[in-house]
Amino acid sequence: MTNALIESPAAALDAIAAVMPVRRTSYALAGAKIGKLDVDPVKGFAAIGGGNLAPPVANAQVTRMIAEIGRTNRLFIEARRPVAVFLDTHEPGKPEFPYPPHCEAGTGEENLVDELAWLDGAPGVTLMRKDCINGVVGTTDAATGRNRLFDWIADNGVEVLVVDGICTDICVLQAVQALLSARNHGMTGPLREIVVHEPGCATYDLPLDVARGLGLPDTAAHPQMVAHHVGLYLMQASGAVIADELRF
């Protein structure tokens, strides 16, 4: 990649999008049993100054994500459609490389951002704590092999699952890809389609020059818009529908 692209994430995004396009659609939520999965809208990832992996200052993409999760969840609840929420929650002192300590139980980072705290106890909403990036793995009982998310899908007869959350290219991506593989393997009961709601997704921003200034390796660089696009592209390539609008 040329120096010009490295120095300009916007130019890099344009170049990548030209050869790895994401097709977005307006998706009508009708004719099927619909459920929703919010991935990790917790303080440790989305509250300003909420932790090592939270935005240090206000971030437009994260702000938009929180607002969209709240708006669409209210519509789902009003329509009596089930909502599941992953909450990243780690055992204190147990690392998750390559990331610094984050969302440890008891710190408050593992709880919903203030704007979405109302979801705890809301009708039709099920909170699920997970202890690793991949929420499908994280909701699997290691002793019995029973998966709480699969059970929730089956119990609610979910045929179409709308997914949003943070980070687009990490936890959201892994949840979507794992669910698509599990669906193809006959493990998710009625589930037939996954729709990623792009306005309800976000990721973090760590430009290359900032990473270098912090003494981090170049591989730690994470330009937000590029990473967001790549996450959407990979979910699309795995079989998910990418929606820029949900029509209720």
C-alpha atoms as a PDB file:
ATOM      1  CA  MET A   1       0.000   0.000   0.000  1.00  0.00           C
ATOM      2  CA  THR A   2       1.369   3.444  -0.902  1.00  0.00           C
ATOM      3  CA  ASN A   3       2.346   6.038   1.702  1.00  0.00           C
ATOM      4  CA  ALA A   4      -0.563   8.207   0.543  1.00  0.00           C
ATOM      5  CA  LEU A   5      -3.057   5.497   1.416  1.00  0.00           C
ATOM      6  CA  ILE A   6      -1.368   4.771   4.736  1.00  0.00           C
ATOM      7  CA  GLU A   7      -1.544   8.446   5.673  1.00  0.00           C
ATOM      8  CA  SER A   8      -5.173   8.800   4.565  1.00  0.00           C
ATOM      9  CA  PRO A   9      -7.638   6.240   5.954  1.00  0.00           C
ATOM     10  CA  ALA A  10     -10.348   7.789   3.762  1.00  0.00           C
ATOM     11  CA  ALA A  11      -8.291   7.144   0.627  1.00  0.00           C
ATOM     12  CA  ALA A  12      -7.504   3.645   1.845  1.00  0.00           C
ATOM     13  CA  LEU A  13     -11.212   2.994   2.419  1.00  0.00           C
ATOM     14  CA  ASP A  14     -12.063   4.170  -1.087  1.00  0.00           C
ATOM     15  CA  ALA A  15      -9.394   1.892  -2.573  1.00  0.00           C
ATOM     16  CA  ILE A  16     -10.526  -1.122  -0.553  1.00  0.00           C
ATOM     17  CA  ALA A  17     -14.231  -0.524  -1.186  1.00  0.00           C
ATOM     18  CA  ALA A  18     -13.562  -0.361  -4.916  1.00  0.00           C
ATOM     19  CA  VAL A  19     -12.272  -3.933  -4.980  1.00  0.00           C
ATOM     20  CA  MET A  20     -14.155  -5.315  -1.941  1.00  0.00           C
ATOM     21  CA  PRO A  21     -17.614  -3.753  -2.213  1.00  0.00           C
ATOM     22  CA  VAL A  22     -20.326  -4.123   0.397  1.00  0.00           C
ATOM     23  CA  ARG A  23     -23.861  -4.361  -0.939  1.00  0.00           C
ATOM     24  CA  ARG A  24     -26.352  -2.826   1.478  1.00  0.00           C
ATOM     25  CA  THR A  25     -30.080  -3.227   1.394  1.00  0.00           C
ATOM     26  CA  SER A  26     -33.274  -1.997   2.993  1.00  0.00           C
ATOM     27  CA  TYR A  27     -34.606  -5.042   4.836  1.00  0.00           C
ATOM     28  CA  ALA A  28     -38.308  -5.561   5.560  1.00  0.00           C
ATOM     29  CA  LEU A  29     -38.979  -7.263   8.891  1.00  0.00           C
ATOM     30  CA  ALA A  30     -42.095  -9.119   7.830  1.00  0.00           C
ATOM     31  CA  GLY A  31     -43.146 -12.629   6.953  1.00  0.00           C
ATOM     32  CA  ALA A  32     -40.839 -14.397   9.403  1.00  0.00           C
ATOM     33  CA  LYS A  33     -40.184 -14.782  13.097  1.00  0.00           C
ATOM     34  CA  ILE A  34     -37.584 -12.100  13.801  1.00  0.00           C
ATOM     35  CA  GLY A  35     -35.151 -11.832  16.710  1.00  0.00           C
ATOM     36  CA  LYS A  36     -32.330  -9.436  17.516  1.00  0.00           C
ATOM     37  CA  LEU A  37     -28.844  -9.865  18.956  1.00  0.00           C
ATOM     38  CA  ASP A  38     -26.874  -6.913  20.336  1.00  0.00           C
ATOM     39  CA  VAL A  39     -23.174  -7.680  20.706  1.00  0.00           C
ATOM     40  CA  ASP A  40     -21.386  -6.108  23.690  1.00  0.00           C
ATOM     41  CA  PRO A  41     -22.863  -2.595  24.049  1.00  0.00           C
ATOM     42  CA  VAL A  42     -21.015  -2.350  27.372  1.00  0.00           C
ATOM     43  CA  LYS A  43     -19.182   0.487  29.095  1.00  0.00           C
ATOM     44  CA  GLY A  44     -15.792  -1.143  28.596  1.00  0.00           C
ATOM     45  CA  PHE A  45     -16.203  -0.871  24.825  1.00  0.00           C
ATOM     46  CA  ALA A  46     -18.589   2.022  24.228  1.00  0.00           C
ATOM     47  CA  ALA A  47     -18.634   4.517  27.127  1.00  0.00           C
ATOM     48  CA  ILE A  48     -16.270   7.487  26.824  1.00  0.00           C
ATOM     49  CA  GLY A  49     -13.315   6.697  29.064  1.00  0.00           C
ATOM     50  CA  GLY A  50     -15.018   3.480  30.119  1.00  0.00           C
ATOM     51  CA  GLY A  51     -11.894   1.318  30.066  1.00  0.00           C
ATOM     52  CA  ASN A  52      -8.756   0.318  28.207  1.00  0.00           C
ATOM     53  CA  LEU A  53     -10.743  -0.536  25.073  1.00  0.00           C
ATOM     54  CA  ALA A  54     -13.334   2.242  25.275  1.00  0.00           C
ATOM     55  CA  PRO A  55     -13.206   5.467  23.238  1.00  0.00           C
ATOM     56  CA  PRO A  56     -11.162   8.113  25.097  1.00  0.00           C
ATOM     57  CA  VAL A  57     -13.269  10.897  23.560  1.00  0.00           C
ATOM     58  CA  ALA A  58     -16.652  11.082  21.882  1.00  0.00           C
ATOM     59  CA  ASN A  59     -16.792   9.023  18.692  1.00  0.00           C
ATOM     60  CA  ALA A  60     -19.508   9.616  16.113  1.00  0.00           C
ATOM     61  CA  GLN A  61     -19.717   6.000  14.959  1.00  0.00           C
ATOM     62  CA  VAL A  62     -20.045   4.678  18.513  1.00  0.00           C
ATOM     63  CA  THR A  63     -22.611   7.356  19.396  1.00  0.00           C
ATOM     64  CA  ARG A  64     -24.650   6.391  16.331  1.00  0.00           C
ATOM     65  CA  MET A  65     -24.435   2.711  17.259  1.00  0.00           C
ATOM     66  CA  ILE A  66     -25.782   3.271  20.769  1.00  0.00           C
ATOM     67  CA  ALA A  67     -28.655   5.399  19.464  1.00  0.00           C
ATOM     68  CA  GLU A  68     -29.569   2.840  16.794  1.00  0.00           C
ATOM     69  CA  ILE A  69     -29.476  -0.084  19.221  1.00  0.00           C
ATOM     70  CA  GLY A  70     -31.799   1.808  21.544  1.00  0.00           C
ATOM     71  CA  ARG A  71     -34.161   2.904  18.774  1.00  0.00           C
ATOM     72  CA  THR A  72     -34.493  -0.501  17.128  1.00  0.00           C
ATOM     73  CA  ASN A  73     -34.755  -2.371  20.418  1.00  0.00           C
ATOM     74  CA  ARG A  74     -37.722  -0.250  21.437  1.00  0.00           C
ATOM     75  CA  LEU A  75     -39.408  -1.181  18.153  1.00  0.00           C
ATOM     76  CA  PHE A  76     -38.619  -4.870  18.660  1.00  0.00           C
ATOM     77  CA  ILE A  77     -39.990  -4.795  22.198  1.00  0.00           C
ATOM     78  CA  GLU A  78     -43.151  -2.964  21.103  1.00  0.00           C
ATOM     79  CA  ALA A  79     -43.661  -5.654  18.444  1.00  0.00           C
ATOM     80  CA  ARG A  80     -43.010  -8.385  21.053  1.00  0.00           C
ATOM     81  CA  ARG A  81     -39.992  -9.663  19.179  1.00  0.00           C
ATOM     82  CA  PRO A  82     -37.234 -11.209  21.317  1.00  0.00           C
ATOM     83  CA  VAL A  83     -33.910  -9.468  21.934  1.00  0.00           C
ATOM     84  CA  ALA A  84     -30.698 -11.074  23.206  1.00  0.00           C
ATOM     85  CA  VAL A  85     -27.755  -9.004  24.420  1.00  0.00           C
ATOM     86  CA  PHE A  86     -24.164 -10.207  24.785  1.00  0.00           C
ATOM     87  CA  LEU A  87     -22.227  -8.652  27.659  1.00  0.00           C
ATOM     88  CA  ASP A  88     -18.457  -9.174  27.494  1.00  0.00           C
ATOM     89  CA  THR A  89     -17.491 -10.248  31.021  1.00  0.00           C
ATOM     90  CA  HIS A  90     -14.073 -11.569  32.038  1.00  0.00           C
ATOM     91  CA  GLU A  91     -12.701 -13.228  35.134  1.00  0.00           C
ATOM     92  CA  PRO A  92     -10.420 -10.716  36.874  1.00  0.00           C
ATOM     93  CA  GLY A  93      -6.769 -11.389  36.142  1.00  0.00           C
ATOM     94  CA  LYS A  94      -7.470 -13.842  33.321  1.00  0.00           C
ATOM     95  CA  PRO A  95      -5.998 -12.286  30.156  1.00  0.00           C
ATOM     96  CA  GLU A  96      -7.460 -12.277  26.686  1.00  0.00           C
ATOM     97  CA  PHE A  97      -4.469 -11.673  24.439  1.00  0.00           C
ATOM     98  CA  PRO A  98      -3.647  -9.546  22.535  1.00  0.00           C
ATOM     99  CA  TYR A  99      -5.909  -7.129  24.389  1.00  0.00           C
ATOM    100  CA  PRO A 100      -5.211  -5.405  27.712  1.00  0.00           C
ATOM    101  CA  PRO A 101      -7.486  -6.162  30.684  1.00  0.00           C
ATOM    102  CA  HIS A 102     -11.063  -5.190  29.896  1.00  0.00           C
ATOM    103  CA  CYS A 103     -14.662  -5.785  30.994  1.00  0.00           C
ATOM    104  CA  GLU A 104     -13.572  -7.639  34.130  1.00  0.00           C
ATOM    105  CA  ALA A 105     -16.399  -8.702  36.416  1.00  0.00           C
ATOM    106  CA  GLY A 106     -16.954  -6.222  39.210  1.00  0.00           C
ATOM    107  CA  THR A 107     -15.376  -3.226  37.466  1.00  0.00           C
ATOM    108  CA  GLY A 108     -18.596  -1.944  35.899  1.00  0.00           C
ATOM    109  CA  GLU A 109     -17.045  -2.137  32.422  1.00  0.00           C
ATOM    110  CA  GLU A 110     -18.991  -5.348  31.840  1.00  0.00           C
ATOM    111  CA  ASN A 111     -22.355  -3.619  32.214  1.00  0.00           C
ATOM    112  CA  LEU A 112     -24.569  -1.915  29.644  1.00  0.00           C
ATOM    113  CA  VAL A 113     -23.751   1.669  28.716  1.00  0.00           C
ATOM    114  CA  ASP A 114     -25.943   4.114  30.603  1.00  0.00           C
ATOM    115  CA  GLU A 115     -28.036   4.902  27.518  1.00  0.00           C
ATOM    116  CA  LEU A 116     -29.047   1.234  27.252  1.00  0.00           C
ATOM    117  CA  ALA A 117     -29.267   0.335  30.943  1.00  0.00           C
ATOM    118  CA  TRP A 118     -33.047   0.220  30.555  1.00  0.00           C
ATOM    119  CA  LEU A 119     -32.667  -3.060  28.647  1.00  0.00           C
ATOM    120  CA  ASP A 120     -31.850  -4.889  31.886  1.00  0.00           C
ATOM    121  CA  GLY A 121     -35.242  -6.217  32.924  1.00  0.00           C
ATOM    122  CA  ALA A 122     -37.110  -4.993  29.845  1.00  0.00           C
ATOM    123  CA  PRO A 123     -39.792  -7.405  28.574  1.00  0.00           C
ATOM    124  CA  GLY A 124     -38.547  -9.865  25.976  1.00  0.00           C
ATOM    125  CA  VAL A 125     -34.870  -9.003  26.552  1.00  0.00           C
ATOM    126  CA  THR A 126     -32.377 -11.699  27.578  1.00  0.00           C
ATOM    127  CA  LEU A 127     -28.890 -10.707  28.763  1.00  0.00           C
ATOM    128  CA  MET A 128     -26.097 -13.215  28.127  1.00  0.00           C
ATOM    129  CA  ARG A 129     -22.626 -12.791  29.578  1.00  0.00           C
ATOM    130  CA  LYS A 130     -19.694 -14.136  27.544  1.00  0.00           C
ATOM    131  CA  ASP A 131     -16.021 -14.480  28.455  1.00  0.00           C
ATOM    132  CA  CYS A 132     -14.345 -14.449  25.033  1.00  0.00           C
ATOM    133  CA  ILE A 133     -14.454 -12.678  21.672  1.00  0.00           C
ATOM    134  CA  ASN A 134     -16.697 -15.246  20.015  1.00  0.00           C
ATOM    135  CA  GLY A 135     -20.108 -15.037  21.636  1.00  0.00           C
ATOM    136  CA  VAL A 136     -21.216 -18.426  20.327  1.00  0.00           C
ATOM    137  CA  VAL A 137     -18.265 -20.021  22.095  1.00  0.00           C
ATOM    138  CA  GLY A 138     -18.779 -17.747  25.087  1.00  0.00           C
ATOM    139  CA  THR A 139     -22.389 -18.845  25.583  1.00  0.00           C
ATOM    140  CA  THR A 140     -21.512 -22.541  25.402  1.00  0.00           C
ATOM    141  CA  ASP A 141     -21.308 -24.483  28.658  1.00  0.00           C
ATOM    142  CA  ALA A 142     -17.857 -26.067  28.593  1.00  0.00           C
ATOM    143  CA  ALA A 143     -19.026 -29.004  30.718  1.00  0.00           C
ATOM    144  CA  THR A 144     -22.242 -29.922  28.922  1.00  0.00           C
ATOM    145  CA  GLY A 145     -21.780 -28.404  25.469  1.00  0.00           C
ATOM    146  CA  ARG A 146     -25.184 -26.753  25.805  1.00  0.00           C
ATOM    147  CA  ASN A 147     -25.381 -23.402  24.037  1.00  0.00           C
ATOM    148  CA  ARG A 148     -27.514 -20.689  25.580  1.00  0.00           C
ATOM    149  CA  LEU A 149     -27.826 -18.682  22.356  1.00  0.00           C
ATOM    150  CA  PHE A 150     -28.909 -21.713  20.323  1.00  0.00           C
ATOM    151  CA  ASP A 151     -31.490 -22.518  23.008  1.00  0.00           C
ATOM    152  CA  TRP A 152     -32.764 -18.925  22.877  1.00  0.00           C
ATOM    153  CA  ILE A 153     -33.098 -19.131  19.077  1.00  0.00           C
ATOM    154  CA  ALA A 154     -34.993 -22.417  19.311  1.00  0.00           C
ATOM    155  CA  ASP A 155     -37.218 -21.336  22.219  1.00  0.00           C
ATOM    156  CA  ASN A 156     -38.266 -18.187  20.358  1.00  0.00           C
ATOM    157  CA  GLY A 157     -38.526 -19.821  16.933  1.00  0.00           C
ATOM    158  CA  VAL A 158     -36.186 -17.209  15.446  1.00  0.00           C
ATOM    159  CA  GLU A 159     -35.987 -17.555  11.669  1.00  0.00           C
ATOM    160  CA  VAL A 160     -34.259 -14.239  10.917  1.00  0.00           C
ATOM    161  CA  LEU A 161     -31.737 -12.770  13.339  1.00  0.00           C
ATOM    162  CA  VAL A 162     -30.803  -9.085  13.190  1.00  0.00           C
ATOM    163  CA  VAL A 163     -27.329  -8.458  14.608  1.00  0.00           C
ATOM    164  CA  ASP A 164     -25.590  -5.240  15.646  1.00  0.00           C
ATOM    165  CA  GLY A 165     -23.018  -4.110  18.194  1.00  0.00           C
ATOM    166  CA  ILE A 166     -19.313  -3.573  18.744  1.00  0.00           C
ATOM    167  CA  CYS A 167     -16.771  -4.251  17.324  1.00  0.00           C
ATOM    168  CA  THR A 168     -17.914  -4.732  13.724  1.00  0.00           C
ATOM    169  CA  ASP A 169     -14.751  -6.555  12.683  1.00  0.00           C
ATOM    170  CA  ILE A 170     -14.110  -8.482  15.907  1.00  0.00           C
ATOM    171  CA  CYS A 171     -16.915  -9.629  18.218  1.00  0.00           C
ATOM    172  CA  VAL A 172     -19.771  -8.931  15.780  1.00  0.00           C
ATOM    173  CA  LEU A 173     -17.896 -10.601  12.927  1.00  0.00           C
ATOM    174  CA  GLN A 174     -17.047 -13.713  14.932  1.00  0.00           C
ATOM    175  CA  ALA A 175     -20.591 -14.079  16.264  1.00  0.00           C
ATOM    176  CA  VAL A 176     -22.079 -13.792  12.773  1.00  0.00           C
ATOM    177  CA  GLN A 177     -19.615 -16.170  11.144  1.00  0.00           C
ATOM    178  CA  ALA A 178     -19.997 -18.727  13.928  1.00  0.00           C
ATOM    179  CA  LEU A 179     -23.793 -18.551  13.705  1.00  0.00           C
ATOM    180  CA  LEU A 180     -23.738 -18.976   9.933  1.00  0.00           C
ATOM    181  CA  SER A 181     -21.495 -22.019  10.236  1.00  0.00           C
ATOM    182  CA  ALA A 182     -23.675 -23.429  13.005  1.00  0.00           C
ATOM    183  CA  ARG A 183     -26.770 -22.860  10.860  1.00  0.00           C
ATOM    184  CA  ASN A 184     -25.182 -24.682   7.946  1.00  0.00           C
ATOM    185  CA  HIS A 185     -24.250 -27.483  10.329  1.00  0.00           C
ATOM    186  CA  GLY A 186     -27.878 -27.825  11.510  1.00  0.00           C
ATOM    187  CA  MET A 187     -27.245 -26.549  15.032  1.00  0.00           C
ATOM    188  CA  THR A 188     -29.507 -23.481  15.164  1.00  0.00           C
ATOM    189  CA  GLY A 189     -32.979 -24.920  14.640  1.00  0.00           C
ATOM    190  CA  PRO A 190     -35.252 -22.565  12.711  1.00  0.00           C
ATOM    191  CA  LEU A 191     -32.607 -19.924  11.959  1.00  0.00           C
ATOM    192  CA  ARG A 192     -32.262 -19.355   8.209  1.00  0.00           C
ATOM    193  CA  GLU A 193     -30.927 -15.815   7.740  1.00  0.00           C
ATOM    194  CA  ILE A 194     -28.730 -13.276   9.527  1.00  0.00           C
ATOM    195  CA  VAL A 195     -29.111  -9.568   8.872  1.00  0.00           C
ATOM    196  CA  VAL A 196     -26.386  -7.201  10.054  1.00  0.00           C
ATOM    197  CA  HIS A 197     -27.782  -3.731  10.750  1.00  0.00           C
ATOM    198  CA  GLU A 198     -24.873  -1.484   9.751  1.00  0.00           C
ATOM    199  CA  PRO A 199     -25.995   1.740  11.508  1.00  0.00           C
ATOM    200  CA  GLY A 200     -26.134  -0.254  14.754  1.00  0.00           C
ATOM    201  CA  CYS A 201     -22.517  -1.410  14.421  1.00  0.00           C
ATOM    202  CA  ALA A 202     -19.266   0.315  15.359  1.00  0.00           C
ATOM    203  CA  THR A 203     -15.613  -0.389  15.957  1.00  0.00           C
ATOM    204  CA  TYR A 204     -12.697   1.443  17.559  1.00  0.00           C
ATOM    205  CA  ASP A 205     -10.241   3.878  16.001  1.00  0.00           C
ATOM    206  CA  LEU A 206      -6.452   3.542  16.321  1.00  0.00           C
ATOM    207  CA  PRO A 207      -4.683   5.102  13.325  1.00  0.00           C
ATOM    208  CA  LEU A 208      -1.196   3.885  12.449  1.00  0.00           C
ATOM    209  CA  ASP A 209       0.531   7.085  13.581  1.00  0.00           C
ATOM    210  CA  VAL A 210      -1.247   6.963  16.941  1.00  0.00           C
ATOM    211  CA  ALA A 211      -0.300   3.312  17.427  1.00  0.00           C
ATOM    212  CA  ARG A 212       3.320   4.149  16.703  1.00  0.00           C
ATOM    213  CA  GLY A 213       3.174   7.119  19.076  1.00  0.00           C
ATOM    214  CA  LEU A 214       2.007   4.777  21.824  1.00  0.00           C
ATOM    215  CA  GLY A 215       4.928   2.460  21.150  1.00  0.00           C
ATOM    216  CA  LEU A 216       2.680  -0.245  19.726  1.00  0.00           C
ATOM    217  CA  PRO A 217       3.625  -2.412  16.764  1.00  0.00           C
ATOM    218  CA  ASP A 218       2.286  -1.442  13.349  1.00  0.00           C
ATOM    219  CA  THR A 219       0.019  -4.493  13.500  1.00  0.00           C
ATOM    220  CA  ALA A 220      -1.946  -2.776  16.276  1.00  0.00           C
ATOM    221  CA  ALA A 221      -3.144  -0.116  13.837  1.00  0.00           C
ATOM    222  CA  HIS A 222      -6.914  -0.103  13.444  1.00  0.00           C
ATOM    223  CA  PRO A 223      -8.326   2.727  11.300  1.00  0.00           C
ATOM    224  CA  GLN A 224     -11.987   2.778  12.210  1.00  0.00           C
ATOM    225  CA  MET A 225     -13.738   3.220   8.876  1.00  0.00           C
ATOM    226  CA  VAL A 226     -11.501   0.734   7.073  1.00  0.00           C
ATOM    227  CA  ALA A 227     -11.899  -1.891   9.814  1.00  0.00           C
ATOM    228  CA  HIS A 228     -15.668  -1.324   9.888  1.00  0.00           C
ATOM    229  CA  HIS A 229     -15.908  -1.836   6.124  1.00  0.00           C
ATOM    230  CA  VAL A 230     -13.731  -4.950   6.176  1.00  0.00           C
ATOM    231  CA  GLY A 231     -15.879  -6.433   8.945  1.00  0.00           C
ATOM    232  CA  LEU A 232     -19.029  -5.831   6.909  1.00  0.00           C
ATOM    233  CA  TYR A 233     -17.395  -7.272   3.788  1.00  0.00           C
ATOM    234  CA  LEU A 234     -16.325 -10.455   5.572  1.00  0.00           C
ATOM    235  CA  MET A 235     -19.789 -10.983   7.082  1.00  0.00           C
ATOM    236  CA  GLN A 236     -21.332 -10.459   3.667  1.00  0.00           C
ATOM    237  CA  ALA A 237     -18.829 -12.883   2.141  1.00  0.00           C
ATOM    238  CA  SER A 238     -19.839 -15.449   4.772  1.00  0.00           C
ATOM    239  CA  GLY A 239     -23.526 -15.208   3.830  1.00  0.00           C
ATOM    240  CA  ALA A 240     -24.997 -12.421   5.968  1.00  0.00           C
ATOM    241  CA  VAL A 241     -27.278  -9.719   4.604  1.00  0.00           C
ATOM    242  CA  ILE A 242     -25.975  -6.185   5.254  1.00  0.00           C
ATOM    243  CA  ALA A 243     -28.797  -3.719   5.865  1.00  0.00           C
ATOM    244  CA  ASP A 244     -28.532   0.034   6.071  1.00  0.00           C
ATOM    245  CA  GLU A 245     -32.223   0.251   6.958  1.00  0.00           C
ATOM    246  CA  LEU A 246     -34.728  -1.946   8.792  1.00  0.00           C
ATOM    247  CA  ARG A 247     -38.337  -1.527   7.679  1.00  0.00           C
ATOM    248  CA  PHE A 248     -40.825  -2.376  10.411  1.00  0.00           C
END
